[in-house]
């Protein structure tokens, strides 16, 4: 099968994972900026990270025949420090012209705090002023419904933002409808211990349709599976779905959303 891995933190993975992705049929991997497994102490650390995402990682992926794209932001886990957040936000514009950058992300909320909302609003303003796509992280577990509602209300309240250019990630059964009803795209994240299993993800597709949904592994430093996306395709085959439907979910949908960015090409 052919597919896009639309959300994977490859800086945390080995070259064996790139090999596995390529062998499984992956055509491109997209990497949102996120937490490094520890809180960074200065904007200089983020500058180095943005260079890693826009210079080193595309070269590493290319050795395995994969296109590598990225998103830029200060993630919500490190957004409590407003001074640091402002310093990092000031760095981002100089990287937006690099040819593998898709937009602003993964911004969003972690604990639904006031400071996180302040930094989220500043990211949204930056995206609006620079005409960037937006990728949004929604909180985990008991904070997810409230956080998703806060995110939707904040973005929908900015008339400069086209909801069709916003992907709200980590949707689950209780948040997918509100995301899709508001006109946004939704990402279903496949984790072995949290978020969604493959059977649950296919259930979401069956309940809410194929339009404006994609699946991703979000593989990172924790317990995660870089090949979660093709494993989910196996679950669709087990349920009797044909190759055309599988191609729509795992290839055509992400290509349709990401092609709104001029930098995205295969």
Protein backbone atom coordinates (compact mmCIF):
# COMPACT_ATOMS: atom_id res chain seq x y z
CA UNK A 1 0.00 0.00 0.00
CA UNK A 2 1.01 3.64 -0.31
CA UNK A 3 0.47 5.98 2.61
CA UNK A 4 1.53 9.22 4.26
CA UNK A 5 2.68 9.30 7.88
CA UNK A 6 1.23 12.73 8.74
CA UNK A 7 2.42 12.98 12.34
CA UNK A 8 5.63 11.32 13.57
CA UNK A 9 8.39 12.64 15.81
CA UNK A 10 11.26 11.14 13.87
CA UNK A 11 13.99 12.95 15.82
CA UNK A 12 13.22 10.39 18.55
CA UNK A 13 13.45 7.37 16.21
CA UNK A 14 16.31 5.33 14.80
CA UNK A 15 17.22 4.80 11.16
CA UNK A 16 15.68 1.32 11.46
CA UNK A 17 12.31 3.06 11.80
CA UNK A 18 12.90 5.00 8.58
CA UNK A 19 13.71 1.71 6.88
CA UNK A 20 10.51 0.13 8.19
CA UNK A 21 8.40 3.08 7.02
CA UNK A 22 9.88 2.95 3.53
CA UNK A 23 9.43 -0.82 3.22
CA UNK A 24 5.80 -0.53 4.37
CA UNK A 25 5.00 1.92 1.54
CA UNK A 26 5.31 5.30 3.25
CA UNK A 27 5.84 8.11 0.73
CA UNK A 28 6.36 11.04 3.11
CA UNK A 29 6.63 11.67 6.82
CA UNK A 30 5.47 14.88 8.50
CA UNK A 31 6.97 15.92 11.84
CA UNK A 32 5.33 18.49 14.11
CA UNK A 33 7.50 20.40 16.54
CA UNK A 34 6.97 19.06 20.04
CA UNK A 35 8.47 18.28 23.43
CA UNK A 36 12.04 16.97 23.52
CA UNK A 37 11.36 14.59 26.40
CA UNK A 38 12.52 17.39 28.74
CA UNK A 39 11.82 21.10 29.08
CA UNK A 40 14.27 23.25 27.11
CA UNK A 41 15.80 26.14 29.04
CA UNK A 42 16.24 28.75 26.33
CA UNK A 43 15.16 29.89 22.89
CA UNK A 44 18.59 28.82 21.62
CA UNK A 45 17.60 25.22 22.25
CA UNK A 46 14.53 25.72 20.07
CA UNK A 47 16.61 27.35 17.33
CA UNK A 48 18.81 24.24 17.22
CA UNK A 49 15.67 22.06 17.16
CA UNK A 50 14.17 24.02 14.26
CA UNK A 51 17.44 23.58 12.38
CA UNK A 52 17.28 19.86 13.10
CA UNK A 53 13.72 19.69 11.69
CA UNK A 54 14.47 21.74 8.58
CA UNK A 55 18.04 20.65 7.76
CA UNK A 56 19.22 17.41 9.34
CA UNK A 57 16.03 15.33 9.45
CA UNK A 58 15.08 15.83 5.77
CA UNK A 59 18.56 14.62 4.79
CA UNK A 60 18.26 11.57 7.05
CA UNK A 61 14.85 10.68 5.59
CA UNK A 62 16.08 11.13 2.03
CA UNK A 63 18.59 8.32 2.50
CA UNK A 64 15.58 5.98 2.68
CA UNK A 65 13.69 7.55 -0.23
CA UNK A 66 11.29 9.47 2.01
CA UNK A 67 10.24 13.11 1.84
CA UNK A 68 10.34 14.76 5.27
CA UNK A 69 8.15 17.74 6.14
CA UNK A 70 7.79 19.58 9.43
CA UNK A 71 5.73 22.04 11.44
CA UNK A 72 7.10 24.73 13.77
CA UNK A 73 5.96 26.04 17.18
CA UNK A 74 6.62 26.01 20.89
CA UNK A 75 4.58 23.07 22.10
CA UNK A 76 1.88 23.35 24.80
CA UNK A 77 3.91 21.34 27.33
CA UNK A 78 6.47 24.16 27.39
CA UNK A 79 4.04 27.05 27.02
CA UNK A 80 3.71 27.95 30.71
CA UNK A 81 6.80 30.16 30.52
CA UNK A 82 5.39 33.15 28.64
CA UNK A 83 8.73 34.90 28.26
CA UNK A 84 10.32 31.81 26.71
CA UNK A 85 7.27 31.36 24.48
CA UNK A 86 7.59 34.91 23.15
CA UNK A 87 11.29 34.39 22.43
CA UNK A 88 10.56 31.17 20.51
CA UNK A 89 7.66 32.70 18.59
CA UNK A 90 10.02 35.47 17.47
CA UNK A 91 12.31 32.83 15.92
CA UNK A 92 9.69 31.03 13.85
CA UNK A 93 9.18 33.50 10.94
CA UNK A 94 12.79 33.12 9.75
CA UNK A 95 12.22 29.35 9.33
CA UNK A 96 8.83 29.50 7.58
CA UNK A 97 10.41 29.97 4.15
CA UNK A 98 12.37 26.71 4.36
CA UNK A 99 11.14 24.29 1.77
CA UNK A 100 9.98 21.45 4.02
CA UNK A 101 7.88 23.58 6.42
CA UNK A 102 4.13 22.93 6.31
CA UNK A 103 2.90 25.49 8.84
CA UNK A 104 2.41 26.12 12.56
CA UNK A 105 2.11 23.10 14.83
CA UNK A 106 1.57 21.16 16.89
CA UNK A 107 0.12 23.99 18.93
CA UNK A 108 -2.75 23.51 21.34
CA UNK A 109 -3.35 22.70 24.99
CA UNK A 110 -1.86 20.29 27.50
CA UNK A 111 -3.50 21.13 30.85
CA UNK A 112 -5.93 23.78 29.56
CA UNK A 113 -4.18 26.51 31.56
CA UNK A 114 -4.48 30.25 31.09
CA UNK A 115 -0.88 30.56 29.89
CA UNK A 116 -1.33 27.75 27.37
CA UNK A 117 -4.37 29.55 25.97
CA UNK A 118 -2.39 32.80 25.72
CA UNK A 119 0.40 31.09 23.76
CA UNK A 120 -2.12 29.24 21.58
CA UNK A 121 -3.74 32.55 20.66
CA UNK A 122 -0.34 34.00 19.72
CA UNK A 123 0.38 31.00 17.48
CA UNK A 124 -2.98 31.38 15.77
CA UNK A 125 -2.24 35.06 15.14
CA UNK A 126 1.15 34.16 13.66
CA UNK A 127 -0.46 31.57 11.37
CA UNK A 128 -3.10 34.05 10.25
CA UNK A 129 -0.57 36.80 9.53
CA UNK A 130 1.69 34.47 7.53
CA UNK A 131 -1.07 32.41 5.85
CA UNK A 132 0.09 29.08 7.33
CA UNK A 133 -1.67 25.77 7.82
CA UNK A 134 -2.29 24.85 11.47
CA UNK A 135 -1.85 21.53 13.27
CA UNK A 136 -3.36 21.33 16.76
CA UNK A 137 -2.59 19.05 19.71
CA UNK A 138 -5.53 18.24 21.97
CA UNK A 139 -5.05 17.24 25.63
CA UNK A 140 -5.04 13.72 26.97
CA UNK A 141 -7.70 11.72 28.79
CA UNK A 142 -10.01 13.66 31.14
CA UNK A 143 -8.89 17.08 29.79
CA UNK A 144 -9.55 16.22 26.15
CA UNK A 145 -13.22 17.19 25.76
CA UNK A 146 -12.85 20.53 27.56
CA UNK A 147 -9.57 21.31 25.80
CA UNK A 148 -10.95 20.48 22.37
CA UNK A 149 -13.94 22.71 23.00
CA UNK A 150 -11.68 25.59 24.09
CA UNK A 151 -9.48 25.15 21.00
CA UNK A 152 -12.42 25.07 18.60
CA UNK A 153 -13.99 28.18 20.12
CA UNK A 154 -10.69 30.08 20.01
CA UNK A 155 -9.84 29.26 16.40
CA UNK A 156 -13.42 29.62 15.14
CA UNK A 157 -13.51 33.07 16.73
CA UNK A 158 -10.72 34.32 14.46
CA UNK A 159 -12.30 35.30 11.14
CA UNK A 160 -8.90 35.20 9.42
CA UNK A 161 -8.63 31.41 9.81
CA UNK A 162 -10.21 29.04 7.29
CA UNK A 163 -11.21 25.91 9.28
CA UNK A 164 -10.44 23.77 6.23
CA UNK A 165 -6.77 24.68 6.72
CA UNK A 166 -6.71 23.48 10.34
CA UNK A 167 -6.11 19.88 11.47
CA UNK A 168 -7.13 19.12 15.06
CA UNK A 169 -5.24 16.01 16.08
CA UNK A 170 -5.75 13.19 18.60
CA UNK A 171 -9.54 13.17 18.18
CA UNK A 172 -11.42 10.33 19.83
CA UNK A 173 -15.00 9.09 19.88
CA UNK A 174 -16.24 11.94 22.09
CA UNK A 175 -14.47 14.78 20.22
CA UNK A 176 -14.50 13.82 16.52
CA UNK A 177 -18.02 15.12 15.86
CA UNK A 178 -17.43 18.59 17.30
CA UNK A 179 -14.22 18.95 15.25
CA UNK A 180 -15.83 17.88 11.98
CA UNK A 181 -19.03 19.85 12.60
CA UNK A 182 -16.94 23.01 12.99
CA UNK A 183 -15.39 22.44 9.55
CA UNK A 184 -11.93 21.36 10.74
CA UNK A 185 -9.97 18.27 9.76
CA UNK A 186 -9.42 15.60 12.40
CA UNK A 187 -6.43 13.37 13.09
CA UNK A 188 -6.77 9.96 14.76
CA UNK A 189 -3.62 8.96 16.64
CA UNK A 190 -2.82 5.27 17.03
CA UNK A 191 -1.08 4.43 20.31
CA UNK A 192 -0.79 1.03 22.00
CA UNK A 193 -1.44 2.39 25.53
CA UNK A 194 -3.46 5.59 25.09
CA UNK A 195 -5.31 7.57 22.44
CA UNK A 196 -6.77 5.10 19.86
CA UNK A 197 -6.25 1.47 18.95
CA UNK A 198 -6.75 0.48 15.32
CA UNK A 199 -10.23 -1.07 15.96
CA UNK A 200 -11.39 2.08 17.74
CA UNK A 201 -10.03 4.24 14.92
CA UNK A 202 -11.95 2.27 12.29
CA UNK A 203 -15.06 2.54 14.46
CA UNK A 204 -14.65 6.34 14.37
CA UNK A 205 -14.46 6.25 10.57
CA UNK A 206 -17.57 4.10 10.42
CA UNK A 207 -19.45 6.51 12.69
CA UNK A 208 -18.33 9.80 11.20
CA UNK A 209 -17.32 9.02 7.61
CA UNK A 210 -14.05 9.20 5.70
CA UNK A 211 -14.07 12.89 4.80
CA UNK A 212 -11.55 15.18 6.56
CA UNK A 213 -10.04 12.43 8.72
CA UNK A 214 -6.58 10.89 8.69
CA UNK A 215 -4.61 8.49 10.88
CA UNK A 216 -1.12 8.87 12.31
CA UNK A 217 1.27 7.13 14.67
CA UNK A 218 2.68 10.24 16.41
CA UNK A 219 5.59 7.96 17.31
CA UNK A 220 7.86 9.63 19.84
CA UNK A 221 9.97 8.97 22.94
CA UNK A 222 7.24 7.03 24.73
CA UNK A 223 5.58 3.70 24.02
CA UNK A 224 4.54 4.05 20.39
CA UNK A 225 4.61 2.17 17.09
CA UNK A 226 6.05 3.79 13.93
CA UNK A 227 4.09 1.33 11.74
CA UNK A 228 0.75 1.91 13.48
CA UNK A 229 -0.74 3.40 10.29
CA UNK A 230 -0.22 0.35 8.00
CA UNK A 231 -1.33 -1.90 10.88
CA UNK A 232 -4.60 0.07 10.94
CA UNK A 233 -4.93 -0.57 7.20
CA UNK A 234 -4.77 -4.30 7.98
CA UNK A 235 -7.69 -3.83 10.36
CA UNK A 236 -9.67 -2.16 7.56
CA UNK A 237 -8.92 -5.08 5.25
CA UNK A 238 -10.03 -7.50 7.96
CA UNK A 239 -13.39 -5.71 8.04
CA UNK A 240 -13.77 -6.06 4.30
CA UNK A 241 -12.82 -2.60 3.04
CA UNK A 242 -11.37 -2.44 -0.47
CA UNK A 243 -8.05 -0.96 -1.52
CA UNK A 244 -9.65 2.19 -2.94
CA UNK A 245 -11.22 3.07 0.43
CA UNK A 246 -7.97 2.29 2.24
CA UNK A 247 -6.04 4.49 -0.20
CA UNK A 248 -8.49 7.34 0.43
CA UNK A 249 -7.96 7.23 4.19
CA UNK A 250 -4.22 6.66 4.33
CA UNK A 251 -2.97 8.49 1.25
CA UNK A 252 -5.48 10.72 -0.51
CA UNK A 253 -6.87 12.42 2.60
CA UNK A 254 -3.51 13.58 3.99
CA UNK A 255 -2.36 14.60 0.52
CA UNK A 256 -5.55 16.64 0.05
CA UNK A 257 -5.03 18.56 3.29
CA UNK A 258 -1.27 18.98 3.06
CA UNK A 259 -1.36 20.08 -0.59
CA UNK A 260 -2.88 23.34 0.62
CA UNK A 261 0.73 24.19 1.53
CA UNK A 262 2.84 25.09 -1.54
CA UNK A 263 5.84 23.30 0.00
CA UNK A 264 4.13 19.91 -0.01
CA UNK A 265 4.95 17.76 -3.03
CA UNK A 266 5.67 14.10 -3.69
